[in-house]
Amino acid sequence: MGFRQHDSQEFLRTMLDGLSEDLNRITEKKKWNITDEEVDALSDFDKAIVSWNLARSNNDSVITDIFAGQLQSTVTCHGCSHSSVTFEIFMDLSLPIPKVTYNL
């Protein structure tokens, strides 16, 4: 549309999101009463479980069964050494493809 670039990965994400929404088994969205402080007090393993359960409680389809995963990111402050762990649901992974060079 217009002058915007759309690539195959963006198309895949849009298609999977649309299919997942159309095929969602959840008819009533749940509201969770968990605070950031309560989540911060959990172990990383328990944070992962809570994050996954929160995401799947509102998005449960054959598409998420096949394609959904969870990525853990850790950021550490160099000044105070405090680490922050977050979890993100994904439907696709970007992988670098190494360039092949031929010496003739």
N, C-alpha and C. Protein backbone atom coordinates (compact mmCIF):
# COMPACT_ATOMS: atom_id res chain seq x y z
N MET A 1 0.84 -1.17 0.00
CA MET A 1 0.00 0.00 0.00
C MET A 1 0.89 1.24 0.00
N GLY A 2 0.67 2.14 -0.88
CA GLY A 2 1.49 3.33 -0.94
C GLY A 2 2.95 3.00 -1.21
N PHE A 3 3.83 3.64 -0.46
CA PHE A 3 5.26 3.43 -0.64
C PHE A 3 5.87 2.62 0.48
N ARG A 4 5.03 2.02 1.32
CA ARG A 4 5.53 1.21 2.43
C ARG A 4 6.00 -0.13 1.92
N GLN A 5 7.10 -0.60 2.47
CA GLN A 5 7.64 -1.91 2.10
C GLN A 5 7.02 -2.99 2.98
N HIS A 6 6.60 -4.07 2.37
CA HIS A 6 6.06 -5.21 3.10
C HIS A 6 6.85 -6.43 2.69
N ASP A 7 7.42 -7.11 3.66
CA ASP A 7 8.22 -8.28 3.31
C ASP A 7 7.49 -9.56 3.72
N SER A 8 8.09 -10.68 3.39
CA SER A 8 7.45 -11.97 3.64
C SER A 8 7.28 -12.24 5.13
N GLN A 9 8.22 -11.81 5.95
CA GLN A 9 8.09 -12.03 7.40
C GLN A 9 6.92 -11.23 7.95
N GLU A 10 6.77 -10.01 7.51
CA GLU A 10 5.64 -9.19 7.96
C GLU A 10 4.32 -9.81 7.50
N PHE A 11 4.28 -10.33 6.28
CA PHE A 11 3.08 -11.01 5.79
C PHE A 11 2.76 -12.23 6.65
N LEU A 12 3.79 -13.04 6.97
CA LEU A 12 3.59 -14.23 7.79
C LEU A 12 3.02 -13.86 9.15
N ARG A 13 3.58 -12.83 9.77
CA ARG A 13 3.09 -12.39 11.09
C ARG A 13 1.63 -11.95 11.02
N THR A 14 1.31 -11.16 10.00
CA THR A 14 -0.06 -10.68 9.84
C THR A 14 -1.02 -11.83 9.60
N MET A 15 -0.63 -12.77 8.76
CA MET A 15 -1.47 -13.92 8.46
C MET A 15 -1.68 -14.79 9.70
N LEU A 16 -0.61 -15.10 10.42
CA LEU A 16 -0.72 -15.93 11.62
C LEU A 16 -1.55 -15.25 12.70
N ASP A 17 -1.37 -13.94 12.88
CA ASP A 17 -2.16 -13.20 13.86
C ASP A 17 -3.64 -13.25 13.50
N GLY A 18 -3.96 -13.04 12.22
CA GLY A 18 -5.34 -13.07 11.77
C GLY A 18 -5.98 -14.44 11.94
N LEU A 19 -5.26 -15.48 11.52
CA LEU A 19 -5.77 -16.84 11.68
C LEU A 19 -5.95 -17.20 13.15
N SER A 20 -4.98 -16.84 13.96
CA SER A 20 -5.05 -17.13 15.39
C SER A 20 -6.26 -16.46 16.02
N GLU A 21 -6.51 -15.22 15.62
CA GLU A 21 -7.67 -14.49 16.16
C GLU A 21 -8.98 -15.14 15.69
N ASP A 22 -9.05 -15.52 14.42
CA ASP A 22 -10.27 -16.13 13.89
C ASP A 22 -10.54 -17.51 14.48
N LEU A 23 -9.48 -18.24 14.82
CA LEU A 23 -9.62 -19.61 15.32
C LEU A 23 -9.48 -19.70 16.84
N ASN A 24 -9.49 -18.56 17.50
CA ASN A 24 -9.30 -18.53 18.95
C ASN A 24 -10.40 -19.31 19.67
N ARG A 25 -9.98 -20.22 20.54
CA ARG A 25 -10.94 -21.03 21.30
C ARG A 25 -11.50 -20.27 22.51
N ILE A 26 -10.87 -19.17 22.87
CA ILE A 26 -11.29 -18.39 24.03
C ILE A 26 -12.44 -17.48 23.61
N THR A 27 -13.57 -17.64 24.25
CA THR A 27 -14.72 -16.80 23.91
C THR A 27 -14.86 -15.62 24.86
N GLU A 28 -14.30 -15.74 26.05
CA GLU A 28 -14.37 -14.66 27.03
C GLU A 28 -12.97 -14.39 27.57
N LYS A 29 -12.48 -13.18 27.34
CA LYS A 29 -11.13 -12.82 27.78
C LYS A 29 -11.08 -12.71 29.29
N LYS A 30 -10.02 -13.28 29.87
CA LYS A 30 -9.83 -13.24 31.32
C LYS A 30 -9.02 -12.01 31.71
N LYS A 31 -9.31 -11.48 32.89
CA LYS A 31 -8.49 -10.42 33.47
C LYS A 31 -7.76 -11.02 34.65
N TRP A 32 -6.46 -10.85 34.66
CA TRP A 32 -5.64 -11.39 35.74
C TRP A 32 -5.34 -10.27 36.73
N ASN A 33 -5.41 -10.60 37.99
CA ASN A 33 -5.10 -9.64 39.05
C ASN A 33 -3.75 -9.98 39.66
N ILE A 34 -2.71 -9.73 38.90
CA ILE A 34 -1.35 -9.95 39.40
C ILE A 34 -0.56 -8.68 39.16
N THR A 35 0.10 -8.21 40.19
CA THR A 35 0.84 -6.95 40.10
C THR A 35 2.28 -7.22 39.64
N ASP A 36 2.93 -6.15 39.18
CA ASP A 36 4.34 -6.26 38.79
C ASP A 36 5.20 -6.68 39.97
N GLU A 37 4.85 -6.20 41.16
CA GLU A 37 5.62 -6.55 42.35
C GLU A 37 5.52 -8.05 42.64
N GLU A 38 4.32 -8.61 42.46
CA GLU A 38 4.14 -10.05 42.67
C GLU A 38 4.93 -10.85 41.64
N VAL A 39 4.95 -10.39 40.41
CA VAL A 39 5.71 -11.09 39.36
C VAL A 39 7.20 -10.98 39.64
N ASP A 40 7.67 -9.79 40.04
CA ASP A 40 9.09 -9.59 40.33
C ASP A 40 9.59 -10.49 41.44
N ALA A 41 8.71 -10.86 42.38
CA ALA A 41 9.10 -11.70 43.51
C ALA A 41 9.26 -13.18 43.11
N LEU A 42 8.82 -13.54 41.91
CA LEU A 42 8.88 -14.93 41.47
C LEU A 42 10.25 -15.30 40.92
N SER A 43 10.55 -16.58 40.91
CA SER A 43 11.76 -17.05 40.25
C SER A 43 11.58 -16.90 38.75
N ASP A 44 12.68 -16.92 37.99
CA ASP A 44 12.59 -16.79 36.53
C ASP A 44 11.71 -17.90 35.94
N PHE A 45 11.83 -19.10 36.46
CA PHE A 45 11.02 -20.21 35.97
C PHE A 45 9.53 -19.94 36.19
N ASP A 46 9.19 -19.45 37.38
CA ASP A 46 7.78 -19.15 37.67
C ASP A 46 7.28 -17.96 36.86
N LYS A 47 8.16 -16.97 36.63
CA LYS A 47 7.79 -15.83 35.77
C LYS A 47 7.45 -16.33 34.37
N ALA A 48 8.23 -17.28 33.88
CA ALA A 48 7.99 -17.83 32.54
C ALA A 48 6.63 -18.51 32.49
N ILE A 49 6.30 -19.27 33.51
CA ILE A 49 5.01 -19.96 33.55
C ILE A 49 3.86 -18.97 33.61
N VAL A 50 3.98 -17.94 34.45
CA VAL A 50 2.93 -16.93 34.56
C VAL A 50 2.76 -16.20 33.23
N SER A 51 3.87 -15.81 32.61
CA SER A 51 3.81 -15.10 31.33
C SER A 51 3.13 -15.95 30.26
N TRP A 52 3.50 -17.23 30.20
CA TRP A 52 2.91 -18.14 29.21
C TRP A 52 1.41 -18.33 29.48
N ASN A 53 1.05 -18.53 30.74
CA ASN A 53 -0.36 -18.73 31.08
C ASN A 53 -1.20 -17.48 30.81
N LEU A 54 -0.63 -16.30 31.07
CA LEU A 54 -1.34 -15.06 30.76
C LEU A 54 -1.61 -14.95 29.26
N ALA A 55 -0.59 -15.21 28.46
CA ALA A 55 -0.74 -15.11 27.01
C ALA A 55 -1.73 -16.13 26.47
N ARG A 56 -1.61 -17.36 26.92
CA ARG A 56 -2.48 -18.43 26.41
C ARG A 56 -3.90 -18.34 26.95
N SER A 57 -4.12 -17.64 28.05
CA SER A 57 -5.47 -17.52 28.59
C SER A 57 -6.38 -16.68 27.70
N ASN A 58 -5.79 -15.87 26.84
CA ASN A 58 -6.57 -15.04 25.92
C ASN A 58 -6.36 -15.39 24.46
N ASN A 59 -5.34 -16.17 24.16
CA ASN A 59 -5.02 -16.53 22.78
C ASN A 59 -4.73 -18.02 22.72
N ASP A 60 -5.74 -18.80 22.41
CA ASP A 60 -5.59 -20.24 22.37
C ASP A 60 -6.23 -20.77 21.09
N SER A 61 -5.40 -21.11 20.13
CA SER A 61 -5.89 -21.62 18.85
C SER A 61 -4.93 -22.68 18.33
N VAL A 62 -5.32 -23.35 17.27
CA VAL A 62 -4.44 -24.32 16.64
C VAL A 62 -3.18 -23.61 16.12
N ILE A 63 -3.29 -22.35 15.76
CA ILE A 63 -2.13 -21.59 15.28
C ILE A 63 -1.14 -21.37 16.41
N THR A 64 -1.62 -20.98 17.59
CA THR A 64 -0.71 -20.79 18.71
C THR A 64 -0.17 -22.14 19.20
N ASP A 65 -0.96 -23.21 19.06
CA ASP A 65 -0.47 -24.54 19.42
C ASP A 65 0.77 -24.90 18.61
N ILE A 66 0.77 -24.53 17.34
CA ILE A 66 1.85 -24.91 16.43
C ILE A 66 3.00 -23.90 16.44
N PHE A 67 2.66 -22.62 16.39
CA PHE A 67 3.68 -21.60 16.13
C PHE A 67 4.15 -20.80 17.34
N ALA A 68 3.38 -20.74 18.41
CA ALA A 68 3.73 -19.85 19.53
C ALA A 68 4.87 -20.41 20.37
N GLY A 69 5.69 -19.51 20.82
CA GLY A 69 6.78 -19.84 21.73
C GLY A 69 7.03 -18.66 22.64
N GLN A 70 7.99 -18.80 23.50
CA GLN A 70 8.28 -17.74 24.47
C GLN A 70 9.78 -17.48 24.50
N LEU A 71 10.12 -16.20 24.45
CA LEU A 71 11.51 -15.77 24.45
C LEU A 71 11.82 -15.07 25.77
N GLN A 72 12.93 -15.43 26.38
CA GLN A 72 13.38 -14.77 27.61
C GLN A 72 14.47 -13.78 27.27
N SER A 73 14.33 -12.57 27.79
CA SER A 73 15.35 -11.54 27.63
C SER A 73 15.83 -11.10 29.01
N THR A 74 17.14 -10.96 29.15
CA THR A 74 17.71 -10.50 30.41
C THR A 74 18.56 -9.27 30.14
N VAL A 75 18.31 -8.21 30.88
CA VAL A 75 19.09 -6.97 30.79
C VAL A 75 19.74 -6.75 32.14
N THR A 76 21.06 -6.53 32.15
CA THR A 76 21.79 -6.32 33.39
C THR A 76 22.42 -4.93 33.39
N CYS A 77 22.20 -4.20 34.47
CA CYS A 77 22.78 -2.88 34.63
C CYS A 77 24.26 -3.03 34.98
N HIS A 78 25.14 -2.35 34.25
CA HIS A 78 26.57 -2.43 34.52
C HIS A 78 26.95 -1.68 35.80
N GLY A 79 26.13 -0.69 36.17
CA GLY A 79 26.42 0.09 37.36
C GLY A 79 26.13 -0.64 38.66
N CYS A 80 24.92 -1.22 38.75
CA CYS A 80 24.52 -1.84 40.03
C CYS A 80 24.38 -3.36 39.92
N SER A 81 24.57 -3.91 38.74
CA SER A 81 24.47 -5.35 38.48
C SER A 81 23.07 -5.92 38.66
N HIS A 82 22.06 -5.04 38.71
CA HIS A 82 20.66 -5.52 38.79
C HIS A 82 20.25 -6.09 37.43
N SER A 83 19.62 -7.26 37.45
CA SER A 83 19.15 -7.90 36.23
C SER A 83 17.64 -7.84 36.16
N SER A 84 17.13 -7.56 34.97
CA SER A 84 15.70 -7.55 34.72
C SER A 84 15.40 -8.62 33.68
N VAL A 85 14.48 -9.52 34.01
CA VAL A 85 14.13 -10.62 33.12
C VAL A 85 12.71 -10.40 32.62
N THR A 86 12.52 -10.47 31.31
CA THR A 86 11.20 -10.36 30.72
C THR A 86 10.97 -11.53 29.77
N PHE A 87 9.69 -11.81 29.53
CA PHE A 87 9.31 -12.89 28.65
C PHE A 87 8.37 -12.35 27.59
N GLU A 88 8.56 -12.80 26.36
CA GLU A 88 7.78 -12.32 25.24
C GLU A 88 7.31 -13.50 24.40
N ILE A 89 6.04 -13.48 24.03
CA ILE A 89 5.48 -14.53 23.18
C ILE A 89 5.80 -14.18 21.73
N PHE A 90 6.17 -15.19 20.95
CA PHE A 90 6.46 -14.97 19.53
C PHE A 90 5.75 -16.01 18.69
N MET A 91 5.56 -15.67 17.42
CA MET A 91 4.97 -16.60 16.46
C MET A 91 5.96 -16.96 15.36
N ASP A 92 7.08 -16.25 15.31
CA ASP A 92 8.12 -16.55 14.32
C ASP A 92 9.47 -16.14 14.89
N LEU A 93 10.51 -16.71 14.35
CA LEU A 93 11.87 -16.37 14.76
C LEU A 93 12.64 -15.85 13.56
N SER A 94 13.41 -14.81 13.78
CA SER A 94 14.30 -14.30 12.74
C SER A 94 15.66 -14.93 12.92
N LEU A 95 16.14 -15.55 11.89
CA LEU A 95 17.45 -16.19 11.94
C LEU A 95 18.34 -15.59 10.87
N PRO A 96 19.58 -15.28 11.21
CA PRO A 96 20.48 -14.75 10.18
C PRO A 96 20.89 -15.85 9.21
N ILE A 97 20.97 -15.48 7.97
CA ILE A 97 21.44 -16.41 6.94
C ILE A 97 22.82 -15.92 6.52
N PRO A 98 23.86 -16.71 6.77
CA PRO A 98 25.20 -16.26 6.42
C PRO A 98 25.37 -16.12 4.91
N LYS A 99 26.12 -15.10 4.53
CA LYS A 99 26.41 -14.90 3.11
C LYS A 99 27.49 -15.88 2.67
N VAL A 100 27.27 -16.44 1.52
CA VAL A 100 28.24 -17.39 0.98
C VAL A 100 29.05 -16.65 -0.08
N THR A 101 30.37 -16.71 0.08
CA THR A 101 31.24 -16.09 -0.92
C THR A 101 32.07 -17.17 -1.60
N TYR A 102 32.24 -17.02 -2.87
CA TYR A 102 33.01 -17.99 -3.64
C TYR A 102 34.29 -17.33 -4.13
N ASN A 103 35.41 -17.99 -3.89
CA ASN A 103 36.69 -17.52 -4.39
C ASN A 103 37.01 -18.32 -5.65
N LEU A 104 37.05 -17.63 -6.76
CA LEU A 104 37.34 -18.31 -8.03
C LEU A 104 38.81 -18.28 -8.35
